[in-house]
């Protein structure tokens, strides 16, 4: 099973230029990276798409708007 760094999900969000509802974001992540893909960050491993969204939200990575959750490129750190 593959593992994708959370940075890739954040870049996907920036590239899309859109805000997502929580279910839309989870669905977009699964569509882009695969239903069974797991995600990791510098401090967590083996997260599902749902767990990654929770993780990123808890760390204040999203920008909130009426349209839902968005991503500002400045919120993405450049280390791997």
PDB file of N, CA and C in Angstrom:
ATOM      1  N   UNK A   1       0.852  -1.170   0.000  1.00  0.00           N
ATOM      2  CA  UNK A   1       0.000   0.000   0.000  1.00  0.00           C
ATOM      3  C   UNK A   1       0.902   1.239   0.000  1.00  0.00           C
ATOM      4  N   UNK A   2       0.563   2.187  -0.837  1.00  0.00           N
ATOM      5  CA  UNK A   2       1.412   3.376  -0.942  1.00  0.00           C
ATOM      6  C   UNK A   2       1.055   4.408   0.127  1.00  0.00           C
ATOM      7  N   UNK A   3       2.028   5.261   0.401  1.00  0.00           N
ATOM      8  CA  UNK A   3       1.827   6.348   1.352  1.00  0.00           C
ATOM      9  C   UNK A   3       2.262   7.648   0.680  1.00  0.00           C
ATOM     10  N   UNK A   4       1.409   8.641   0.756  1.00  0.00           N
ATOM     11  CA  UNK A   4       1.629   9.943   0.127  1.00  0.00           C
ATOM     12  C   UNK A   4       1.811  10.980   1.229  1.00  0.00           C
ATOM     13  N   UNK A   5       2.776  11.868   1.044  1.00  0.00           N
ATOM     14  CA  UNK A   5       2.981  12.933   2.031  1.00  0.00           C
ATOM     15  C   UNK A   5       1.815  13.914   1.961  1.00  0.00           C
ATOM     16  N   UNK A   6       1.392  14.406   3.096  1.00  0.00           N
ATOM     17  CA  UNK A   6       0.305  15.379   3.173  1.00  0.00           C
ATOM     18  C   UNK A   6       0.538  16.617   2.336  1.00  0.00           C
ATOM     19  N   UNK A   7       1.811  16.953   2.065  1.00  0.00           N
ATOM     20  CA  UNK A   7       2.115  18.104   1.205  1.00  0.00           C
ATOM     21  C   UNK A   7       1.474  17.950  -0.164  1.00  0.00           C
ATOM     22  N   UNK A   8       1.424  16.721  -0.666  1.00  0.00           N
ATOM     23  CA  UNK A   8       0.842  16.480  -1.988  1.00  0.00           C
ATOM     24  C   UNK A   8      -0.649  16.799  -2.002  1.00  0.00           C
ATOM     25  N   UNK A   9      -1.327  16.487  -0.930  1.00  0.00           N
ATOM     26  CA  UNK A   9      -2.748  16.809  -0.821  1.00  0.00           C
ATOM     27  C   UNK A   9      -2.929  18.326  -0.750  1.00  0.00           C
ATOM     28  N   UNK A  10      -2.075  18.985   0.021  1.00  0.00           N
ATOM     29  CA  UNK A  10      -2.173  20.442   0.122  1.00  0.00           C
ATOM     30  C   UNK A  10      -1.898  21.097  -1.230  1.00  0.00           C
ATOM     31  N   UNK A  11      -0.928  20.571  -1.982  1.00  0.00           N
ATOM     32  CA  UNK A  11      -0.649  21.112  -3.319  1.00  0.00           C
ATOM     33  C   UNK A  11      -1.830  20.879  -4.255  1.00  0.00           C
ATOM     34  N   UNK A  12      -2.473  19.713  -4.139  1.00  0.00           N
ATOM     35  CA  UNK A  12      -3.662  19.433  -4.944  1.00  0.00           C
ATOM     36  C   UNK A  12      -4.728  20.487  -4.694  1.00  0.00           C
ATOM     37  N   UNK A  13      -4.902  20.836  -3.421  1.00  0.00           N
ATOM     38  CA  UNK A  13      -5.910  21.838  -3.068  1.00  0.00           C
ATOM     39  C   UNK A  13      -5.556  23.209  -3.633  1.00  0.00           C
ATOM     40  N   UNK A  14      -4.293  23.603  -3.516  1.00  0.00           N
ATOM     41  CA  UNK A  14      -3.855  24.897  -4.058  1.00  0.00           C
ATOM     42  C   UNK A  14      -4.052  24.913  -5.570  1.00  0.00           C
ATOM     43  N   UNK A  15      -3.636  23.847  -6.234  1.00  0.00           N
ATOM     44  CA  UNK A  15      -3.752  23.780  -7.693  1.00  0.00           C
ATOM     45  C   UNK A  15      -5.195  23.842  -8.169  1.00  0.00           C
ATOM     46  N   UNK A  16      -6.102  23.300  -7.376  1.00  0.00           N
ATOM     47  CA  UNK A  16      -7.516  23.311  -7.781  1.00  0.00           C
ATOM     48  C   UNK A  16      -8.116  24.708  -7.670  1.00  0.00           C
ATOM     49  N   UNK A  17      -7.586  25.508  -6.744  1.00  0.00           N
ATOM     50  CA  UNK A  17      -8.103  26.862  -6.558  1.00  0.00           C
ATOM     51  C   UNK A  17      -9.513  26.921  -6.006  1.00  0.00           C
ATOM     52  N   UNK A  18      -9.976  25.836  -5.445  1.00  0.00           N
ATOM     53  CA  UNK A  18     -11.349  25.833  -4.939  1.00  0.00           C
ATOM     54  C   UNK A  18     -11.412  25.500  -3.459  1.00  0.00           C
ATOM     55  N   UNK A  19     -12.544  25.791  -2.881  1.00  0.00           N
ATOM     56  CA  UNK A  19     -12.827  25.411  -1.494  1.00  0.00           C
ATOM     57  C   UNK A  19     -13.702  24.167  -1.521  1.00  0.00           C
ATOM     58  N   UNK A  20     -13.520  23.314  -0.559  1.00  0.00           N
ATOM     59  CA  UNK A  20     -14.224  22.038  -0.491  1.00  0.00           C
ATOM     60  C   UNK A  20     -15.015  21.930   0.811  1.00  0.00           C
ATOM     61  N   UNK A  21     -16.179  21.321   0.729  1.00  0.00           N
ATOM     62  CA  UNK A  21     -16.809  20.877   1.972  1.00  0.00           C
ATOM     63  C   UNK A  21     -15.960  19.704   2.458  1.00  0.00           C
ATOM     64  N   UNK A  22     -16.097  19.351   3.699  1.00  0.00           N
ATOM     65  CA  UNK A  22     -15.312  18.229   4.236  1.00  0.00           C
ATOM     66  C   UNK A  22     -15.542  16.948   3.418  1.00  0.00           C
ATOM     67  N   UNK A  23     -16.789  16.549   3.134  1.00  0.00           N
ATOM     68  CA  UNK A  23     -16.992  15.332   2.326  1.00  0.00           C
ATOM     69  C   UNK A  23     -16.426  15.466   0.909  1.00  0.00           C
ATOM     70  N   UNK A  24     -16.533  16.648   0.302  1.00  0.00           N
ATOM     71  CA  UNK A  24     -15.973  16.852  -1.037  1.00  0.00           C
ATOM     72  C   UNK A  24     -14.457  16.696  -1.022  1.00  0.00           C
ATOM     73  N   UNK A  25     -13.818  17.207   0.024  1.00  0.00           N
ATOM     74  CA  UNK A  25     -12.367  17.114   0.113  1.00  0.00           C
ATOM     75  C   UNK A  25     -11.931  15.664   0.264  1.00  0.00           C
ATOM     76  N   UNK A  26     -12.566  14.936   1.138  1.00  0.00           N
ATOM     77  CA  UNK A  26     -12.219  13.515   1.321  1.00  0.00           C
ATOM     78  C   UNK A  26     -12.411  12.762   0.004  1.00  0.00           C
ATOM     79  N   UNK A  27     -13.508  13.035  -0.682  1.00  0.00           N
ATOM     80  CA  UNK A  27     -13.779  12.392  -1.963  1.00  0.00           C
ATOM     81  C   UNK A  27     -12.727  12.756  -3.007  1.00  0.00           C
ATOM     82  N   UNK A  28     -12.343  14.027  -3.075  1.00  0.00           N
ATOM     83  CA  UNK A  28     -11.332  14.475  -4.040  1.00  0.00           C
ATOM     84  C   UNK A  28      -9.981  13.829  -3.751  1.00  0.00           C
ATOM     85  N   UNK A  29      -9.632  13.702  -2.477  1.00  0.00           N
ATOM     86  CA  UNK A  29      -8.372  13.055  -2.099  1.00  0.00           C
ATOM     87  C   UNK A  29      -8.384  11.597  -2.551  1.00  0.00           C
ATOM     88  N   UNK A  30      -9.465  10.902  -2.285  1.00  0.00           N
ATOM     89  CA  UNK A  30      -9.561   9.488  -2.675  1.00  0.00           C
ATOM     90  C   UNK A  30      -9.544   9.330  -4.188  1.00  0.00           C
ATOM     91  N   UNK A  31     -10.199  10.238  -4.894  1.00  0.00           N
ATOM     92  CA  UNK A  31     -10.219  10.180  -6.354  1.00  0.00           C
ATOM     93  C   UNK A  31      -8.818  10.429  -6.923  1.00  0.00           C
ATOM     94  N   UNK A  32      -8.120  11.393  -6.364  1.00  0.00           N
ATOM     95  CA  UNK A  32      -6.791  11.756  -6.864  1.00  0.00           C
ATOM     96  C   UNK A  32      -5.729  10.707  -6.520  1.00  0.00           C
ATOM     97  N   UNK A  33      -5.765  10.186  -5.306  1.00  0.00           N
ATOM     98  CA  UNK A  33      -4.672   9.348  -4.821  1.00  0.00           C
ATOM     99  C   UNK A  33      -5.037   7.876  -4.634  1.00  0.00           C
ATOM    100  N   UNK A  34      -6.307   7.557  -4.683  1.00  0.00           N
ATOM    101  CA  UNK A  34      -6.730   6.167  -4.535  1.00  0.00           C
ATOM    102  C   UNK A  34      -7.457   5.924  -3.221  1.00  0.00           C
ATOM    103  N   UNK A  35      -8.443   5.093  -3.289  1.00  0.00           N
ATOM    104  CA  UNK A  35      -9.313   4.785  -2.155  1.00  0.00           C
ATOM    105  C   UNK A  35      -8.547   4.241  -0.953  1.00  0.00           C
ATOM    106  N   UNK A  36      -7.531   3.426  -1.206  1.00  0.00           N
ATOM    107  CA  UNK A  36      -6.837   2.731  -0.118  1.00  0.00           C
ATOM    108  C   UNK A  36      -5.476   3.341   0.221  1.00  0.00           C
ATOM    109  N   UNK A  37      -5.160   4.464  -0.389  1.00  0.00           N
ATOM    110  CA  UNK A  37      -3.883   5.120  -0.116  1.00  0.00           C
ATOM    111  C   UNK A  37      -3.848   5.611   1.318  1.00  0.00           C
ATOM    112  N   UNK A  38      -2.685   5.520   1.928  1.00  0.00           N
ATOM    113  CA  UNK A  38      -2.463   6.069   3.261  1.00  0.00           C
ATOM    114  C   UNK A  38      -1.562   7.287   3.111  1.00  0.00           C
ATOM    115  N   UNK A  39      -1.630   8.143   4.096  1.00  0.00           N
ATOM    116  CA  UNK A  39      -0.922   9.416   4.057  1.00  0.00           C
ATOM    117  C   UNK A  39      -0.038   9.553   5.282  1.00  0.00           C
ATOM    118  N   UNK A  40       1.036  10.303   5.098  1.00  0.00           N
ATOM    119  CA  UNK A  40       1.943  10.571   6.216  1.00  0.00           C
ATOM    120  C   UNK A  40       2.341  12.042   6.191  1.00  0.00           C
ATOM    121  N   UNK A  41       2.837  12.492   7.316  1.00  0.00           N
ATOM    122  CA  UNK A  41       3.396  13.832   7.449  1.00  0.00           C
ATOM    123  C   UNK A  41       4.705  13.664   8.208  1.00  0.00           C
ATOM    124  N   UNK A  42       5.278  14.758   8.592  1.00  0.00           N
ATOM    125  CA  UNK A  42       6.531  14.696   9.345  1.00  0.00           C
ATOM    126  C   UNK A  42       6.331  14.062  10.723  1.00  0.00           C
ATOM    127  N   UNK A  43       5.088  14.089  11.226  1.00  0.00           N
ATOM    128  CA  UNK A  43       4.860  13.609  12.592  1.00  0.00           C
ATOM    129  C   UNK A  43       3.777  12.540  12.721  1.00  0.00           C
ATOM    130  N   UNK A  44       3.227  12.075  11.610  1.00  0.00           N
ATOM    131  CA  UNK A  44       2.174  11.051  11.681  1.00  0.00           C
ATOM    132  C   UNK A  44       2.268  10.145  10.453  1.00  0.00           C
ATOM    133  N   UNK A  45       1.806   8.903  10.617  1.00  0.00           N
ATOM    134  CA  UNK A  45       1.856   7.929   9.538  1.00  0.00           C
ATOM    135  C   UNK A  45       0.554   7.148   9.468  1.00  0.00           C
ATOM    136  N   UNK A  46       0.381   6.470   8.344  1.00  0.00           N
ATOM    137  CA  UNK A  46      -0.728   5.539   8.131  1.00  0.00           C
ATOM    138  C   UNK A  46      -2.106   6.170   8.320  1.00  0.00           C
ATOM    139  N   UNK A  47      -2.270   7.416   7.886  1.00  0.00           N
ATOM    140  CA  UNK A  47      -3.563   8.085   8.000  1.00  0.00           C
ATOM    141  C   UNK A  47      -4.424   7.810   6.774  1.00  0.00           C
ATOM    142  N   UNK A  48      -5.707   7.640   7.006  1.00  0.00           N
ATOM    143  CA  UNK A  48      -6.676   7.589   5.919  1.00  0.00           C
ATOM    144  C   UNK A  48      -6.899   9.020   5.423  1.00  0.00           C
ATOM    145  N   UNK A  49      -7.630   9.168   4.340  1.00  0.00           N
ATOM    146  CA  UNK A  49      -7.957  10.510   3.841  1.00  0.00           C
ATOM    147  C   UNK A  49      -8.699  11.302   4.914  1.00  0.00           C
ATOM    148  N   UNK A  50      -9.638  10.661   5.587  1.00  0.00           N
ATOM    149  CA  UNK A  50     -10.407  11.328   6.641  1.00  0.00           C
ATOM    150  C   UNK A  50      -9.505  11.782   7.778  1.00  0.00           C
ATOM    151  N   UNK A  51      -8.595  10.902   8.193  1.00  0.00           N
ATOM    152  CA  UNK A  51      -7.681  11.237   9.286  1.00  0.00           C
ATOM    153  C   UNK A  51      -6.733  12.365   8.885  1.00  0.00           C
ATOM    154  N   UNK A  52      -6.306  12.382   7.621  1.00  0.00           N
ATOM    155  CA  UNK A  52      -5.430  13.458   7.161  1.00  0.00           C
ATOM    156  C   UNK A  52      -6.153  14.799   7.190  1.00  0.00           C
ATOM    157  N   UNK A  53      -7.405  14.828   6.760  1.00  0.00           N
ATOM    158  CA  UNK A  53      -8.181  16.071   6.812  1.00  0.00           C
ATOM    159  C   UNK A  53      -8.284  16.549   8.257  1.00  0.00           C
ATOM    160  N   UNK A  54      -8.573  15.656   9.179  1.00  0.00           N
ATOM    161  CA  UNK A  54      -8.622  16.022  10.605  1.00  0.00           C
ATOM    162  C   UNK A  54      -7.280  16.566  11.067  1.00  0.00           C
ATOM    163  N   UNK A  55      -6.207  15.885  10.691  1.00  0.00           N
ATOM    164  CA  UNK A  55      -4.856  16.281  11.086  1.00  0.00           C
ATOM    165  C   UNK A  55      -4.529  17.688  10.584  1.00  0.00           C
ATOM    166  N   UNK A  56      -4.789  17.938   9.310  1.00  0.00           N
ATOM    167  CA  UNK A  56      -4.486  19.251   8.731  1.00  0.00           C
ATOM    168  C   UNK A  56      -5.354  20.343   9.344  1.00  0.00           C
ATOM    169  N   UNK A  57      -6.604  20.013   9.607  1.00  0.00           N
ATOM    170  CA  UNK A  57      -7.496  20.997  10.226  1.00  0.00           C
ATOM    171  C   UNK A  57      -7.031  21.333  11.641  1.00  0.00           C
ATOM    172  N   UNK A  58      -6.651  20.327  12.397  1.00  0.00           N
ATOM    173  CA  UNK A  58      -6.176  20.539  13.770  1.00  0.00           C
ATOM    174  C   UNK A  58      -4.937  21.421  13.816  1.00  0.00           C
ATOM    175  N   UNK A  59      -4.158  21.402  12.754  1.00  0.00           N
ATOM    176  CA  UNK A  59      -2.941  22.202  12.702  1.00  0.00           C
ATOM    177  C   UNK A  59      -3.131  23.548  12.017  1.00  0.00           C
ATOM    178  N   UNK A  60      -4.381  23.882  11.715  1.00  0.00           N
ATOM    179  CA  UNK A  60      -4.687  25.193  11.159  1.00  0.00           C
ATOM    180  C   UNK A  60      -4.189  25.403   9.738  1.00  0.00           C
ATOM    181  N   UNK A  61      -4.079  24.335   8.965  1.00  0.00           N
ATOM    182  CA  UNK A  61      -3.560  24.448   7.598  1.00  0.00           C
ATOM    183  C   UNK A  61      -4.596  24.973   6.605  1.00  0.00           C
ATOM    184  N   UNK A  62      -5.867  24.801   6.898  1.00  0.00           N
ATOM    185  CA  UNK A  62      -6.912  25.213   5.963  1.00  0.00           C
ATOM    186  C   UNK A  62      -7.283  26.676   6.149  1.00  0.00           C
ATOM    187  N   UNK A  63      -7.770  27.264   5.065  1.00  0.00           N
ATOM    188  CA  UNK A  63      -8.408  28.569   5.151  1.00  0.00           C
ATOM    189  C   UNK A  63      -9.904  28.305   5.016  1.00  0.00           C
ATOM    190  N   UNK A  64     -10.683  28.922   5.866  1.00  0.00           N
ATOM    191  CA  UNK A  64     -12.132  28.694   5.844  1.00  0.00           C
ATOM    192  C   UNK A  64     -12.822  29.829   5.109  1.00  0.00           C
ATOM    193  N   UNK A  65     -13.847  29.471   4.349  1.00  0.00           N
ATOM    194  CA  UNK A  65     -14.668  30.463   3.664  1.00  0.00           C
ATOM    195  C   UNK A  65     -16.086  29.921   3.600  1.00  0.00           C
ATOM    196  N   UNK A  66     -16.977  30.717   3.049  1.00  0.00           N
ATOM    197  CA  UNK A  66     -18.356  30.244   2.893  1.00  0.00           C
ATOM    198  C   UNK A  66     -18.412  29.007   2.009  1.00  0.00           C
ATOM    199  N   UNK A  67     -17.455  28.899   1.079  1.00  0.00           N
ATOM    200  CA  UNK A  67     -17.419  27.760   0.169  1.00  0.00           C
ATOM    201  C   UNK A  67     -16.855  26.499   0.779  1.00  0.00           C
ATOM    202  N   UNK A  68     -16.228  26.617   1.952  1.00  0.00           N
ATOM    203  CA  UNK A  68     -15.678  25.438   2.603  1.00  0.00           C
ATOM    204  C   UNK A  68     -14.220  25.615   2.966  1.00  0.00           C
ATOM    205  N   UNK A  69     -13.485  24.516   2.897  1.00  0.00           N
ATOM    206  CA  UNK A  69     -12.073  24.496   3.272  1.00  0.00           C
ATOM    207  C   UNK A  69     -11.211  24.746   2.048  1.00  0.00           C
ATOM    208  N   UNK A  70     -10.282  25.666   2.167  1.00  0.00           N
ATOM    209  CA  UNK A  70      -9.343  25.958   1.092  1.00  0.00           C
ATOM    210  C   UNK A  70      -7.928  25.824   1.609  1.00  0.00           C
ATOM    211  N   UNK A  71      -6.976  26.098   0.740  1.00  0.00           N
ATOM    212  CA  UNK A  71      -5.578  25.987   1.108  1.00  0.00           C
ATOM    213  C   UNK A  71      -4.823  27.167   0.539  1.00  0.00           C
ATOM    214  N   UNK A  72      -4.035  27.807   1.381  1.00  0.00           N
ATOM    215  CA  UNK A  72      -3.149  28.874   0.974  1.00  0.00           C
ATOM    216  C   UNK A  72      -1.760  28.271   0.813  1.00  0.00           C
ATOM    217  N   UNK A  73      -1.119  28.524  -0.321  1.00  0.00           N
ATOM    218  CA  UNK A  73       0.198  27.929  -0.589  1.00  0.00           C
ATOM    219  C   UNK A  73       1.205  28.256   0.516  1.00  0.00           C
ATOM    220  N   UNK A  74       1.030  29.356   1.199  1.00  0.00           N
ATOM    221  CA  UNK A  74       1.937  29.718   2.287  1.00  0.00           C
ATOM    222  C   UNK A  74       1.846  28.779   3.478  1.00  0.00           C
ATOM    223  N   UNK A  75       0.766  28.003   3.551  1.00  0.00           N
ATOM    224  CA  UNK A  75       0.596  27.058   4.657  1.00  0.00           C
ATOM    225  C   UNK A  75       1.299  25.720   4.419  1.00  0.00           C
ATOM    226  N   UNK A  76       1.952  25.593   3.274  1.00  0.00           N
ATOM    227  CA  UNK A  76       2.659  24.356   2.960  1.00  0.00           C
ATOM    228  C   UNK A  76       4.138  24.551   3.254  1.00  0.00           C
ATOM    229  N   UNK A  77       4.669  23.757   4.173  1.00  0.00           N
ATOM    230  CA  UNK A  77       6.102  23.831   4.426  1.00  0.00           C
ATOM    231  C   UNK A  77       6.804  23.032   3.314  1.00  0.00           C
ATOM    232  N   UNK A  78       8.044  23.359   3.042  1.00  0.00           N
ATOM    233  CA  UNK A  78       8.736  22.754   1.899  1.00  0.00           C
ATOM    234  C   UNK A  78       9.644  21.592   2.245  1.00  0.00           C
ATOM    235  N   UNK A  79       9.611  21.108   3.464  1.00  0.00           N
ATOM    236  CA  UNK A  79      10.446  19.956   3.780  1.00  0.00           C
ATOM    237  C   UNK A  79       9.672  18.677   3.533  1.00  0.00           C
ATOM    238  N   UNK A  80      10.375  17.602   3.402  1.00  0.00           N
ATOM    239  CA  UNK A  80       9.729  16.290   3.147  1.00  0.00           C
ATOM    240  C   UNK A  80       9.903  15.420   4.310  1.00  0.00           C
TER     241      UNK A  80
END
